[in-house]
Amino acid sequence: MHEKHGLLGPKFTAGHGVWLSNDEFRRFSHAGAAVCFCPLSNLFLGSGLFRLGKAMDPDQPVRVCLGTDMGAGNSFSMIHPLLKLLIVSEPIIRNFALKCISKFFSSWFRHHYSTPLSLL
């Protein structure tokens, strides 16, 4: 439907993506579209898990971002989804999850502390 109306492209971000078919992953990749998935919400609802491994397929990568959905989750904090991502991620994706967590915390510390951590 999004393709039919010219919406699927680099500025398009879909929510959750737990029911995307292999063909839809291919079309998202080709269009440069993204998926923002919310592990807390999906675990709370039991609606399924986003196939992060499929999104990271080097032949057909799909841009992804991590979100928090208070409508069905239990926290606005980005720390909780990062930790859930680590818990629910496939073993092959754990390195990606750990990199996300590392980038989040290093960015958070840079933003909240003007003193370099090495000086603390």
PDB file of N, CA and C in Angstrom:
ATOM      1  N   MET A   1       0.812  -1.183   0.000  1.00  0.00           N
ATOM      2  CA  MET A   1       0.000   0.000   0.000  1.00  0.00           C
ATOM      3  C   MET A   1       0.865   1.260   0.000  1.00  0.00           C
ATOM      4  N   HIS A   2       1.914   1.278   0.802  1.00  0.00           N
ATOM      5  CA  HIS A   2       2.773   2.458   0.866  1.00  0.00           C
ATOM      6  C   HIS A   2       3.472   2.700  -0.463  1.00  0.00           C
ATOM      7  N   GLU A   3       3.890   1.620  -1.106  1.00  0.00           N
ATOM      8  CA  GLU A   3       4.523   1.758  -2.419  1.00  0.00           C
ATOM      9  C   GLU A   3       3.532   2.310  -3.441  1.00  0.00           C
ATOM     10  N   LYS A   4       2.306   1.809  -3.409  1.00  0.00           N
ATOM     11  CA  LYS A   4       1.276   2.216  -4.361  1.00  0.00           C
ATOM     12  C   LYS A   4       1.057   3.724  -4.341  1.00  0.00           C
ATOM     13  N   HIS A   5       1.198   4.334  -3.166  1.00  0.00           N
ATOM     14  CA  HIS A   5       0.971   5.764  -3.022  1.00  0.00           C
ATOM     15  C   HIS A   5       2.270   6.574  -3.003  1.00  0.00           C
ATOM     16  N   GLY A   6       3.381   5.923  -3.329  1.00  0.00           N
ATOM     17  CA  GLY A   6       4.663   6.620  -3.416  1.00  0.00           C
ATOM     18  C   GLY A   6       5.255   7.024  -2.076  1.00  0.00           C
ATOM     19  N   LEU A   7       4.873   6.345  -1.006  1.00  0.00           N
ATOM     20  CA  LEU A   7       5.357   6.712   0.327  1.00  0.00           C
ATOM     21  C   LEU A   7       6.595   5.940   0.766  1.00  0.00           C
ATOM     22  N   LEU A   8       6.810   4.754   0.214  1.00  0.00           N
ATOM     23  CA  LEU A   8       7.932   3.917   0.648  1.00  0.00           C
ATOM     24  C   LEU A   8       9.222   4.433   0.018  1.00  0.00           C
ATOM     25  N   GLY A   9      10.084   4.994   0.852  1.00  0.00           N
ATOM     26  CA  GLY A   9      11.345   5.546   0.379  1.00  0.00           C
ATOM     27  C   GLY A   9      12.246   5.865   1.554  1.00  0.00           C
ATOM     28  N   PRO A  10      13.329   6.586   1.332  1.00  0.00           N
ATOM     29  CA  PRO A  10      14.300   6.867   2.391  1.00  0.00           C
ATOM     30  C   PRO A  10      13.745   7.687   3.565  1.00  0.00           C
ATOM     31  N   LYS A  11      12.642   8.401   3.361  1.00  0.00           N
ATOM     32  CA  LYS A  11      12.059   9.196   4.455  1.00  0.00           C
ATOM     33  C   LYS A  11      10.984   8.423   5.221  1.00  0.00           C
ATOM     34  N   PHE A  12      10.739   7.176   4.816  1.00  0.00           N
ATOM     35  CA  PHE A  12       9.686   6.369   5.432  1.00  0.00           C
ATOM     36  C   PHE A  12      10.257   5.541   6.571  1.00  0.00           C
ATOM     37  N   THR A  13       9.599   5.592   7.733  1.00  0.00           N
ATOM     38  CA  THR A  13       9.949   4.742   8.870  1.00  0.00           C
ATOM     39  C   THR A  13       8.691   4.046   9.348  1.00  0.00           C
ATOM     40  N   ALA A  14       8.699   2.732   9.305  1.00  0.00           N
ATOM     41  CA  ALA A  14       7.570   1.940   9.781  1.00  0.00           C
ATOM     42  C   ALA A  14       7.753   1.639  11.256  1.00  0.00           C
ATOM     43  N   GLY A  15       6.653   1.453  11.947  1.00  0.00           N
ATOM     44  CA  GLY A  15       6.715   1.088  13.363  1.00  0.00           C
ATOM     45  C   GLY A  15       6.632  -0.420  13.556  1.00  0.00           C
ATOM     46  N   HIS A  16       7.402  -0.913  14.482  1.00  0.00           N
ATOM     47  CA  HIS A  16       7.393  -2.303  14.961  1.00  0.00           C
ATOM     48  C   HIS A  16       7.944  -3.306  13.956  1.00  0.00           C
ATOM     49  N   GLY A  17       7.295  -3.547  12.849  1.00  0.00           N
ATOM     50  CA  GLY A  17       7.807  -4.443  11.817  1.00  0.00           C
ATOM     51  C   GLY A  17       7.821  -5.915  12.179  1.00  0.00           C
ATOM     52  N   VAL A  18       7.031  -6.317  13.176  1.00  0.00           N
ATOM     53  CA  VAL A  18       7.093  -7.717  13.615  1.00  0.00           C
ATOM     54  C   VAL A  18       6.462  -8.680  12.619  1.00  0.00           C
ATOM     55  N   TRP A  19       5.624  -8.191  11.719  1.00  0.00           N
ATOM     56  CA  TRP A  19       4.957  -9.080  10.771  1.00  0.00           C
ATOM     57  C   TRP A  19       5.450  -8.881   9.346  1.00  0.00           C
ATOM     58  N   LEU A  20       6.598  -8.255   9.148  1.00  0.00           N
ATOM     59  CA  LEU A  20       7.110  -8.055   7.794  1.00  0.00           C
ATOM     60  C   LEU A  20       7.496  -9.395   7.169  1.00  0.00           C
ATOM     61  N   SER A  21       7.079  -9.587   5.938  1.00  0.00           N
ATOM     62  CA  SER A  21       7.454 -10.797   5.201  1.00  0.00           C
ATOM     63  C   SER A  21       8.851 -10.612   4.615  1.00  0.00           C
ATOM     64  N   ASN A  22       9.430 -11.694   4.127  1.00  0.00           N
ATOM     65  CA  ASN A  22      10.734 -11.593   3.469  1.00  0.00           C
ATOM     66  C   ASN A  22      10.667 -10.643   2.284  1.00  0.00           C
ATOM     67  N   ASP A  23       9.564 -10.685   1.532  1.00  0.00           N
ATOM     68  CA  ASP A  23       9.395  -9.796   0.386  1.00  0.00           C
ATOM     69  C   ASP A  23       9.319  -8.331   0.837  1.00  0.00           C
ATOM     70  N   GLU A  24       8.646  -8.080   1.947  1.00  0.00           N
ATOM     71  CA  GLU A  24       8.563  -6.704   2.456  1.00  0.00           C
ATOM     72  C   GLU A  24       9.927  -6.211   2.930  1.00  0.00           C
ATOM     73  N   PHE A  25      10.713  -7.082   3.570  1.00  0.00           N
ATOM     74  CA  PHE A  25      12.082  -6.699   3.938  1.00  0.00           C
ATOM     75  C   PHE A  25      12.860  -6.322   2.679  1.00  0.00           C
ATOM     76  N   ARG A  26      12.723  -7.111   1.624  1.00  0.00           N
ATOM     77  CA  ARG A  26      13.417  -6.830   0.364  1.00  0.00           C
ATOM     78  C   ARG A  26      12.995  -5.473  -0.193  1.00  0.00           C
ATOM     79  N   ARG A  27      11.699  -5.199  -0.190  1.00  0.00           N
ATOM     80  CA  ARG A  27      11.201  -3.933  -0.729  1.00  0.00           C
ATOM     81  C   ARG A  27      11.636  -2.743   0.138  1.00  0.00           C
ATOM     82  N   PHE A  28      11.645  -2.912   1.450  1.00  0.00           N
ATOM     83  CA  PHE A  28      12.134  -1.847   2.338  1.00  0.00           C
ATOM     84  C   PHE A  28      13.603  -1.562   2.030  1.00  0.00           C
ATOM     85  N   SER A  29      14.393  -2.619   1.874  1.00  0.00           N
ATOM     86  CA  SER A  29      15.811  -2.462   1.578  1.00  0.00           C
ATOM     87  C   SER A  29      16.002  -1.711   0.263  1.00  0.00           C
ATOM     88  N   HIS A  30      15.306  -2.140  -0.757  1.00  0.00           N
ATOM     89  CA  HIS A  30      15.425  -1.526  -2.083  1.00  0.00           C
ATOM     90  C   HIS A  30      15.034  -0.050  -2.049  1.00  0.00           C
ATOM     91  N   ALA A  31      14.017   0.292  -1.242  1.00  0.00           N
ATOM     92  CA  ALA A  31      13.523   1.670  -1.176  1.00  0.00           C
ATOM     93  C   ALA A  31      14.326   2.543  -0.214  1.00  0.00           C
ATOM     94  N   GLY A  32      15.174   1.927   0.614  1.00  0.00           N
ATOM     95  CA  GLY A  32      15.917   2.706   1.612  1.00  0.00           C
ATOM     96  C   GLY A  32      15.068   3.081   2.816  1.00  0.00           C
ATOM     97  N   ALA A  33      13.954   2.380   3.011  1.00  0.00           N
ATOM     98  CA  ALA A  33      13.046   2.650   4.127  1.00  0.00           C
ATOM     99  C   ALA A  33      13.624   2.094   5.431  1.00  0.00           C
ATOM    100  N   ALA A  34      13.056   2.520   6.539  1.00  0.00           N
ATOM    101  CA  ALA A  34      13.538   2.099   7.856  1.00  0.00           C
ATOM    102  C   ALA A  34      12.399   1.495   8.672  1.00  0.00           C
ATOM    103  N   VAL A  35      12.776   0.753   9.707  1.00  0.00           N
ATOM    104  CA  VAL A  35      11.817   0.215  10.670  1.00  0.00           C
ATOM    105  C   VAL A  35      12.290   0.612  12.064  1.00  0.00           C
ATOM    106  N   CYS A  36      11.382   1.181  12.839  1.00  0.00           N
ATOM    107  CA  CYS A  36      11.659   1.486  14.241  1.00  0.00           C
ATOM    108  C   CYS A  36      10.949   0.419  15.065  1.00  0.00           C
ATOM    109  N   PHE A  37      11.726  -0.443  15.705  1.00  0.00           N
ATOM    110  CA  PHE A  37      11.102  -1.517  16.464  1.00  0.00           C
ATOM    111  C   PHE A  37      11.181  -1.235  17.960  1.00  0.00           C
ATOM    112  N   CYS A  38      10.206  -1.752  18.682  1.00  0.00           N
ATOM    113  CA  CYS A  38      10.025  -1.462  20.106  1.00  0.00           C
ATOM    114  C   CYS A  38       9.935  -2.774  20.876  1.00  0.00           C
ATOM    115  N   PRO A  39      11.058  -3.309  21.336  1.00  0.00           N
ATOM    116  CA  PRO A  39      11.019  -4.622  21.984  1.00  0.00           C
ATOM    117  C   PRO A  39      10.157  -4.666  23.242  1.00  0.00           C
ATOM    118  N   LEU A  40      10.118  -3.591  24.025  1.00  0.00           N
ATOM    119  CA  LEU A  40       9.286  -3.603  25.235  1.00  0.00           C
ATOM    120  C   LEU A  40       7.816  -3.758  24.876  1.00  0.00           C
ATOM    121  N   SER A  41       7.363  -2.986  23.930  1.00  0.00           N
ATOM    122  CA  SER A  41       5.973  -3.039  23.499  1.00  0.00           C
ATOM    123  C   SER A  41       5.627  -4.412  22.947  1.00  0.00           C
ATOM    124  N   ASN A  42       6.481  -4.940  22.081  1.00  0.00           N
ATOM    125  CA  ASN A  42       6.197  -6.227  21.459  1.00  0.00           C
ATOM    126  C   ASN A  42       6.199  -7.369  22.474  1.00  0.00           C
ATOM    127  N   LEU A  43       7.090  -7.296  23.464  1.00  0.00           N
ATOM    128  CA  LEU A  43       7.088  -8.313  24.518  1.00  0.00           C
ATOM    129  C   LEU A  43       5.844  -8.189  25.389  1.00  0.00           C
ATOM    130  N   PHE A  44       5.456  -6.963  25.712  1.00  0.00           N
ATOM    131  CA  PHE A  44       4.286  -6.719  26.553  1.00  0.00           C
ATOM    132  C   PHE A  44       3.015  -7.225  25.867  1.00  0.00           C
ATOM    133  N   LEU A  45       2.871  -6.930  24.573  1.00  0.00           N
ATOM    134  CA  LEU A  45       1.683  -7.343  23.825  1.00  0.00           C
ATOM    135  C   LEU A  45       1.731  -8.798  23.393  1.00  0.00           C
ATOM    136  N   GLY A  46       2.924  -9.362  23.317  1.00  0.00           N
ATOM    137  CA  GLY A  46       3.077 -10.717  22.807  1.00  0.00           C
ATOM    138  C   GLY A  46       2.794 -10.788  21.308  1.00  0.00           C
ATOM    139  N   SER A  47       3.042  -9.678  20.615  1.00  0.00           N
ATOM    140  CA  SER A  47       2.705  -9.599  19.191  1.00  0.00           C
ATOM    141  C   SER A  47       3.788 -10.171  18.285  1.00  0.00           C
ATOM    142  N   GLY A  48       4.900 -10.533  18.839  1.00  0.00           N
ATOM    143  CA  GLY A  48       5.992 -11.069  18.046  1.00  0.00           C
ATOM    144  C   GLY A  48       7.250 -10.251  18.245  1.00  0.00           C
ATOM    145  N   LEU A  49       8.332 -10.727  17.682  1.00  0.00           N
ATOM    146  CA  LEU A  49       9.615 -10.039  17.793  1.00  0.00           C
ATOM    147  C   LEU A  49      10.076  -9.617  16.405  1.00  0.00           C
ATOM    148  N   PHE A  50      10.661  -8.456  16.331  1.00  0.00           N
ATOM    149  CA  PHE A  50      11.223  -7.968  15.078  1.00  0.00           C
ATOM    150  C   PHE A  50      12.414  -8.840  14.701  1.00  0.00           C
ATOM    151  N   ARG A  51      12.507  -9.216  13.439  1.00  0.00           N
ATOM    152  CA  ARG A  51      13.601 -10.072  12.968  1.00  0.00           C
ATOM    153  C   ARG A  51      14.812  -9.202  12.608  1.00  0.00           C
ATOM    154  N   LEU A  52      15.529  -8.806  13.628  1.00  0.00           N
ATOM    155  CA  LEU A  52      16.685  -7.933  13.443  1.00  0.00           C
ATOM    156  C   LEU A  52      17.743  -8.582  12.568  1.00  0.00           C
ATOM    157  N   GLY A  53      17.914  -9.880  12.719  1.00  0.00           N
ATOM    158  CA  GLY A  53      18.876 -10.588  11.876  1.00  0.00           C
ATOM    159  C   GLY A  53      18.536 -10.467  10.398  1.00  0.00           C
ATOM    160  N   LYS A  54      17.261 -10.547  10.072  1.00  0.00           N
ATOM    161  CA  LYS A  54      16.824 -10.400   8.675  1.00  0.00           C
ATOM    162  C   LYS A  54      17.072  -8.974   8.200  1.00  0.00           C
ATOM    163  N   ALA A  55      16.822  -7.992   9.052  1.00  0.00           N
ATOM    164  CA  ALA A  55      17.035  -6.590   8.678  1.00  0.00           C
ATOM    165  C   ALA A  55      18.512  -6.292   8.439  1.00  0.00           C
ATOM    166  N   MET A  56      19.388  -7.058   9.066  1.00  0.00           N
ATOM    167  CA  MET A  56      20.815  -6.819   8.931  1.00  0.00           C
ATOM    168  C   MET A  56      21.467  -7.711   7.877  1.00  0.00           C
ATOM    169  N   ASP A  57      20.652  -8.366   7.071  1.00  0.00           N
ATOM    170  CA  ASP A  57      21.163  -9.201   5.976  1.00  0.00           C
ATOM    171  C   ASP A  57      22.041  -8.326   5.072  1.00  0.00           C
ATOM    172  N   PRO A  58      23.323  -8.657   4.913  1.00  0.00           N
ATOM    173  CA  PRO A  58      24.210  -7.799   4.115  1.00  0.00           C
ATOM    174  C   PRO A  58      23.786  -7.664   2.654  1.00  0.00           C
ATOM    175  N   ASP A  59      23.024  -8.631   2.137  1.00  0.00           N
ATOM    176  CA  ASP A  59      22.562  -8.549   0.751  1.00  0.00           C
ATOM    177  C   ASP A  59      21.354  -7.634   0.584  1.00  0.00           C
ATOM    178  N   GLN A  60      20.557  -7.507   1.641  1.00  0.00           N
ATOM    179  CA  GLN A  60      19.356  -6.667   1.603  1.00  0.00           C
ATOM    180  C   GLN A  60      19.149  -5.992   2.949  1.00  0.00           C
ATOM    181  N   PRO A  61      20.056  -5.093   3.341  1.00  0.00           N
ATOM    182  CA  PRO A  61      19.938  -4.471   4.664  1.00  0.00           C
ATOM    183  C   PRO A  61      18.768  -3.480   4.726  1.00  0.00           C
ATOM    184  N   VAL A  62      18.136  -3.441   5.869  1.00  0.00           N
ATOM    185  CA  VAL A  62      17.070  -2.480   6.139  1.00  0.00           C
ATOM    186  C   VAL A  62      17.540  -1.600   7.289  1.00  0.00           C
ATOM    187  N   ARG A  63      17.392  -0.290   7.124  1.00  0.00           N
ATOM    188  CA  ARG A  63      17.762   0.622   8.205  1.00  0.00           C
ATOM    189  C   ARG A  63      16.832   0.389   9.387  1.00  0.00           C
ATOM    190  N   VAL A  64      17.396   0.364  10.589  1.00  0.00           N
ATOM    191  CA  VAL A  64      16.598   0.129  11.789  1.00  0.00           C
ATOM    192  C   VAL A  64      16.908   1.173  12.847  1.00  0.00           C
ATOM    193  N   CYS A  65      15.936   1.389  13.706  1.00  0.00           N
ATOM    194  CA  CYS A  65      16.154   2.207  14.896  1.00  0.00           C
ATOM    195  C   CYS A  65      15.367   1.574  16.026  1.00  0.00           C
ATOM    196  N   LEU A  66      15.711   1.932  17.206  1.00  0.00           N
ATOM    197  CA  LEU A  66      15.101   1.374  18.403  1.00  0.00           C
ATOM    198  C   LEU A  66      14.168   2.414  18.999  1.00  0.00           C
ATOM    199  N   GLY A  67      12.960   1.994  19.351  1.00  0.00           N
ATOM    200  CA  GLY A  67      11.998   2.932  19.907  1.00  0.00           C
ATOM    201  C   GLY A  67      11.415   2.435  21.210  1.00  0.00           C
ATOM    202  N   THR A  68      10.670   3.319  21.839  1.00  0.00           N
ATOM    203  CA  THR A  68       9.926   2.965  23.036  1.00  0.00           C
ATOM    204  C   THR A  68       8.491   3.414  22.819  1.00  0.00           C
ATOM    205  N   ASP A  69       7.560   2.567  23.146  1.00  0.00           N
ATOM    206  CA  ASP A  69       6.158   2.799  22.853  1.00  0.00           C
ATOM    207  C   ASP A  69       5.363   2.698  24.149  1.00  0.00           C
ATOM    208  N   MET A  70       5.040   3.829  24.722  1.00  0.00           N
ATOM    209  CA  MET A  70       4.354   3.817  26.008  1.00  0.00           C
ATOM    210  C   MET A  70       2.928   3.296  25.893  1.00  0.00           C
ATOM    211  N   GLY A  71       2.358   3.302  24.685  1.00  0.00           N
ATOM    212  CA  GLY A  71       1.008   2.780  24.516  1.00  0.00           C
ATOM    213  C   GLY A  71       0.893   1.313  24.896  1.00  0.00           C
ATOM    214  N   ALA A  72       1.971   0.572  24.740  1.00  0.00           N
ATOM    215  CA  ALA A  72       1.923  -0.850  25.066  1.00  0.00           C
ATOM    216  C   ALA A  72       3.132  -1.287  25.886  1.00  0.00           C
ATOM    217  N   GLY A  73       4.056  -0.407  26.105  1.00  0.00           N
ATOM    218  CA  GLY A  73       5.222  -0.757  26.904  1.00  0.00           C
ATOM    219  C   GLY A  73       5.030  -0.298  28.341  1.00  0.00           C
ATOM    220  N   ASN A  74       6.112  -0.210  29.060  1.00  0.00           N
ATOM    221  CA  ASN A  74       5.999   0.229  30.446  1.00  0.00           C
ATOM    222  C   ASN A  74       7.056   1.260  30.816  1.00  0.00           C
ATOM    223  N   SER A  75       7.664   1.911  29.810  1.00  0.00           N
ATOM    224  CA  SER A  75       8.704   2.883  30.123  1.00  0.00           C
ATOM    225  C   SER A  75       8.985   3.780  28.915  1.00  0.00           C
ATOM    226  N   PHE A  76       9.217   5.068  29.183  1.00  0.00           N
ATOM    227  CA  PHE A  76       9.682   5.989  28.147  1.00  0.00           C
ATOM    228  C   PHE A  76      11.203   5.937  28.020  1.00  0.00           C
ATOM    229  N   SER A  77      11.864   5.382  28.992  1.00  0.00           N
ATOM    230  CA  SER A  77      13.318   5.328  29.023  1.00  0.00           C
ATOM    231  C   SER A  77      13.862   4.513  27.862  1.00  0.00           C
ATOM    232  N   MET A  78      14.937   4.993  27.242  1.00  0.00           N
ATOM    233  CA  MET A  78      15.579   4.236  26.173  1.00  0.00           C
ATOM    234  C   MET A  78      16.512   3.161  26.729  1.00  0.00           C
ATOM    235  N   ILE A  79      16.828   3.241  28.020  1.00  0.00           N
ATOM    236  CA  ILE A  79      17.701   2.231  28.621  1.00  0.00           C
ATOM    237  C   ILE A  79      17.002   0.873  28.640  1.00  0.00           C
ATOM    238  N   HIS A  80      15.722   0.846  29.009  1.00  0.00           N
ATOM    239  CA  HIS A  80      14.998  -0.422  29.083  1.00  0.00           C
ATOM    240  C   HIS A  80      14.903  -1.129  27.728  1.00  0.00           C
ATOM    241  N   PRO A  81      14.533  -0.433  26.642  1.00  0.00           N
ATOM    242  CA  PRO A  81      14.524  -1.138  25.350  1.00  0.00           C
ATOM    243  C   PRO A  81      15.902  -1.642  24.932  1.00  0.00           C
ATOM    244  N   LEU A  82      16.955  -0.903  25.267  1.00  0.00           N
ATOM    245  CA  LEU A  82      18.307  -1.361  24.932  1.00  0.00           C
ATOM    246  C   LEU A  82      18.618  -2.669  25.650  1.00  0.00           C
ATOM    247  N   LEU A  83      18.248  -2.745  26.921  1.00  0.00           N
ATOM    248  CA  LEU A  83      18.504  -3.972  27.672  1.00  0.00           C
ATOM    249  C   LEU A  83      17.643  -5.122  27.166  1.00  0.00           C
ATOM    250  N   LYS A  84      16.386  -4.840  26.824  1.00  0.00           N
ATOM    251  CA  LYS A  84      15.518  -5.886  26.271  1.00  0.00           C
ATOM    252  C   LYS A  84      16.042  -6.362  24.917  1.00  0.00           C
ATOM    253  N   LEU A  85      16.569  -5.424  24.138  1.00  0.00           N
ATOM    254  CA  LEU A  85      17.160  -5.804  22.853  1.00  0.00           C
ATOM    255  C   LEU A  85      18.263  -6.823  23.072  1.00  0.00           C
ATOM    256  N   LEU A  86      19.072  -6.611  24.078  1.00  0.00           N
ATOM    257  CA  LEU A  86      20.154  -7.541  24.374  1.00  0.00           C
ATOM    258  C   LEU A  86      19.593  -8.905  24.780  1.00  0.00           C
ATOM    259  N   ILE A  87      18.510  -8.901  25.555  1.00  0.00           N
ATOM    260  CA  ILE A  87      17.928 -10.152  26.040  1.00  0.00           C
ATOM    261  C   ILE A  87      17.261 -10.937  24.911  1.00  0.00           C
ATOM    262  N   VAL A  88      16.496 -10.262  24.059  1.00  0.00           N
ATOM    263  CA  VAL A  88      15.709 -10.973  23.051  1.00  0.00           C
ATOM    264  C   VAL A  88      16.437 -11.155  21.722  1.00  0.00           C
ATOM    265  N   SER A  89      17.599 -10.548  21.570  1.00  0.00           N
ATOM    266  CA  SER A  89      18.278 -10.623  20.281  1.00  0.00           C
ATOM    267  C   SER A  89      18.840 -12.014  20.033  1.00  0.00           C
ATOM    268  N   GLU A  90      18.880 -12.353  18.775  1.00  0.00           N
ATOM    269  CA  GLU A  90      19.464 -13.617  18.357  1.00  0.00           C
ATOM    270  C   GLU A  90      20.960 -13.572  18.671  1.00  0.00           C
ATOM    271  N   PRO A  91      21.561 -14.707  18.973  1.00  0.00           N
ATOM    272  CA  PRO A  91      22.984 -14.698  19.330  1.00  0.00           C
ATOM    273  C   PRO A  91      23.867 -13.975  18.318  1.00  0.00           C
ATOM    274  N   ILE A  92      23.555 -14.117  17.037  1.00  0.00           N
ATOM    275  CA  ILE A  92      24.393 -13.487  16.014  1.00  0.00           C
ATOM    276  C   ILE A  92      24.280 -11.958  16.040  1.00  0.00           C
ATOM    277  N   ILE A  93      23.207 -11.442  16.638  1.00  0.00           N
ATOM    278  CA  ILE A  93      22.962 -10.006  16.672  1.00  0.00           C
ATOM    279  C   ILE A  93      23.443  -9.377  17.980  1.00  0.00           C
ATOM    280  N   ARG A  94      23.883 -10.177  18.931  1.00  0.00           N
ATOM    281  CA  ARG A  94      24.252  -9.636  20.244  1.00  0.00           C
ATOM    282  C   ARG A  94      25.342  -8.569  20.145  1.00  0.00           C
ATOM    283  N   ASN A  95      26.295  -8.738  19.224  1.00  0.00           N
ATOM    284  CA  ASN A  95      27.340  -7.722  19.071  1.00  0.00           C
ATOM    285  C   ASN A  95      26.738  -6.388  18.662  1.00  0.00           C
ATOM    286  N   PHE A  96      25.734  -6.410  17.774  1.00  0.00           N
ATOM    287  CA  PHE A  96      25.039  -5.188  17.380  1.00  0.00           C
ATOM    288  C   PHE A  96      24.354  -4.567  18.591  1.00  0.00           C
ATOM    289  N   ALA A  97      23.673  -5.386  19.386  1.00  0.00           N
ATOM    290  CA  ALA A  97      22.977  -4.888  20.575  1.00  0.00           C
ATOM    291  C   ALA A  97      23.969  -4.255  21.546  1.00  0.00           C
ATOM    292  N   LEU A  98      25.093  -4.906  21.746  1.00  0.00           N
ATOM    293  CA  LEU A  98      26.101  -4.359  22.660  1.00  0.00           C
ATOM    294  C   LEU A  98      26.676  -3.046  22.139  1.00  0.00           C
ATOM    295  N   LYS A  99      26.859  -2.925  20.823  1.00  0.00           N
ATOM    296  CA  LYS A  99      27.336  -1.670  20.244  1.00  0.00           C
ATOM    297  C   LYS A  99      26.317  -0.561  20.455  1.00  0.00           C
ATOM    298  N   CYS A 100      25.018  -0.879  20.293  1.00  0.00           N
ATOM    299  CA  CYS A 100      23.963   0.115  20.522  1.00  0.00           C
ATOM    300  C   CYS A 100      24.003   0.615  21.962  1.00  0.00           C
ATOM    301  N   ILE A 101      24.112  -0.310  22.893  1.00  0.00           N
ATOM    302  CA  ILE A 101      24.141   0.052  24.306  1.00  0.00           C
ATOM    303  C   ILE A 101      25.373   0.896  24.603  1.00  0.00           C
ATOM    304  N   SER A 102      26.514   0.501  24.069  1.00  0.00           N
ATOM    305  CA  SER A 102      27.752   1.243  24.287  1.00  0.00           C
ATOM    306  C   SER A 102      27.655   2.664  23.732  1.00  0.00           C
ATOM    307  N   LYS A 103      27.115   2.817  22.511  1.00  0.00           N
ATOM    308  CA  LYS A 103      26.974   4.143  21.910  1.00  0.00           C
ATOM    309  C   LYS A 103      26.003   4.999  22.710  1.00  0.00           C
ATOM    310  N   PHE A 104      24.914   4.395  23.172  1.00  0.00           N
ATOM    311  CA  PHE A 104      23.934   5.147  23.949  1.00  0.00           C
ATOM    312  C   PHE A 104      24.567   5.700  25.218  1.00  0.00           C
ATOM    313  N   PHE A 105      25.235   4.834  25.976  1.00  0.00           N
ATOM    314  CA  PHE A 105      25.803   5.287  27.237  1.00  0.00           C
ATOM    315  C   PHE A 105      26.961   6.265  27.036  1.00  0.00           C
ATOM    316  N   SER A 106      27.787   6.064  26.021  1.00  0.00           N
ATOM    317  CA  SER A 106      28.885   7.017  25.803  1.00  0.00           C
ATOM    318  C   SER A 106      28.322   8.378  25.389  1.00  0.00           C
ATOM    319  N   SER A 107      27.271   8.373  24.590  1.00  0.00           N
ATOM    320  CA  SER A 107      26.621   9.629  24.210  1.00  0.00           C
ATOM    321  C   SER A 107      25.973  10.289  25.420  1.00  0.00           C
ATOM    322  N   TRP A 108      25.317   9.497  26.247  1.00  0.00           N
ATOM    323  CA  TRP A 108      24.651  10.025  27.441  1.00  0.00           C
ATOM    324  C   TRP A 108      25.675  10.671  28.377  1.00  0.00           C
ATOM    325  N   PHE A 109      26.793   9.988  28.606  1.00  0.00           N
ATOM    326  CA  PHE A 109      27.818  10.538  29.496  1.00  0.00           C
ATOM    327  C   PHE A 109      28.414  11.826  28.926  1.00  0.00           C
ATOM    328  N   ARG A 110      28.668  11.870  27.623  1.00  0.00           N
ATOM    329  CA  ARG A 110      29.199  13.095  27.008  1.00  0.00           C
ATOM    330  C   ARG A 110      28.228  14.256  27.176  1.00  0.00           C
ATOM    331  N   HIS A 111      26.944  13.968  27.071  1.00  0.00           N
ATOM    332  CA  HIS A 111      25.919  15.008  27.175  1.00  0.00           C
ATOM    333  C   HIS A 111      25.745  15.494  28.619  1.00  0.00           C
ATOM    334  N   HIS A 112      25.840  14.584  29.578  1.00  0.00           N
ATOM    335  CA  HIS A 112      25.539  14.929  30.973  1.00  0.00           C
ATOM    336  C   HIS A 112      26.739  15.316  31.819  1.00  0.00           C
ATOM    337  N   TYR A 113      27.918  15.027  31.364  1.00  0.00           N
ATOM    338  CA  TYR A 113      29.107  15.333  32.152  1.00  0.00           C
ATOM    339  C   TYR A 113      30.091  16.113  31.295  1.00  0.00           C
ATOM    340  N   SER A 114      30.493  17.272  31.784  1.00  0.00           N
ATOM    341  CA  SER A 114      31.488  18.046  31.033  1.00  0.00           C
ATOM    342  C   SER A 114      32.896  17.582  31.368  1.00  0.00           C
ATOM    343  N   THR A 115      33.079  16.907  32.492  1.00  0.00           N
ATOM    344  CA  THR A 115      34.370  16.389  32.878  1.00  0.00           C
ATOM    345  C   THR A 115      34.580  15.025  32.226  1.00  0.00           C
ATOM    346  N   PRO A 116      35.670  14.835  31.503  1.00  0.00           N
ATOM    347  CA  PRO A 116      35.921  13.527  30.914  1.00  0.00           C
ATOM    348  C   PRO A 116      35.952  12.437  31.972  1.00  0.00           C
ATOM    349  N   LEU A 117      35.417  11.285  31.653  1.00  0.00           N
ATOM    350  CA  LEU A 117      35.369  10.183  32.612  1.00  0.00           C
ATOM    351  C   LEU A 117      36.761   9.790  33.098  1.00  0.00           C
ATOM    352  N   SER A 118      37.752   9.961  32.254  1.00  0.00           N
ATOM    353  CA  SER A 118      39.117   9.583  32.645  1.00  0.00           C
ATOM    354  C   SER A 118      39.632  10.444  33.795  1.00  0.00           C
ATOM    355  N   LEU A 119      39.026  11.620  34.010  1.00  0.00           N
ATOM    356  CA  LEU A 119      39.471  12.506  35.072  1.00  0.00           C
ATOM    357  C   LEU A 119      38.695  12.281  36.365  1.00  0.00           C
ATOM    358  N   LEU A 120      37.644  11.489  36.320  1.00  0.00           N
ATOM    359  CA  LEU A 120      36.833  11.262  37.528  1.00  0.00           C
ATOM    360  C   LEU A 120      37.495  10.303  38.460  1.00  0.00           C
TER     361      LEU A 120
END
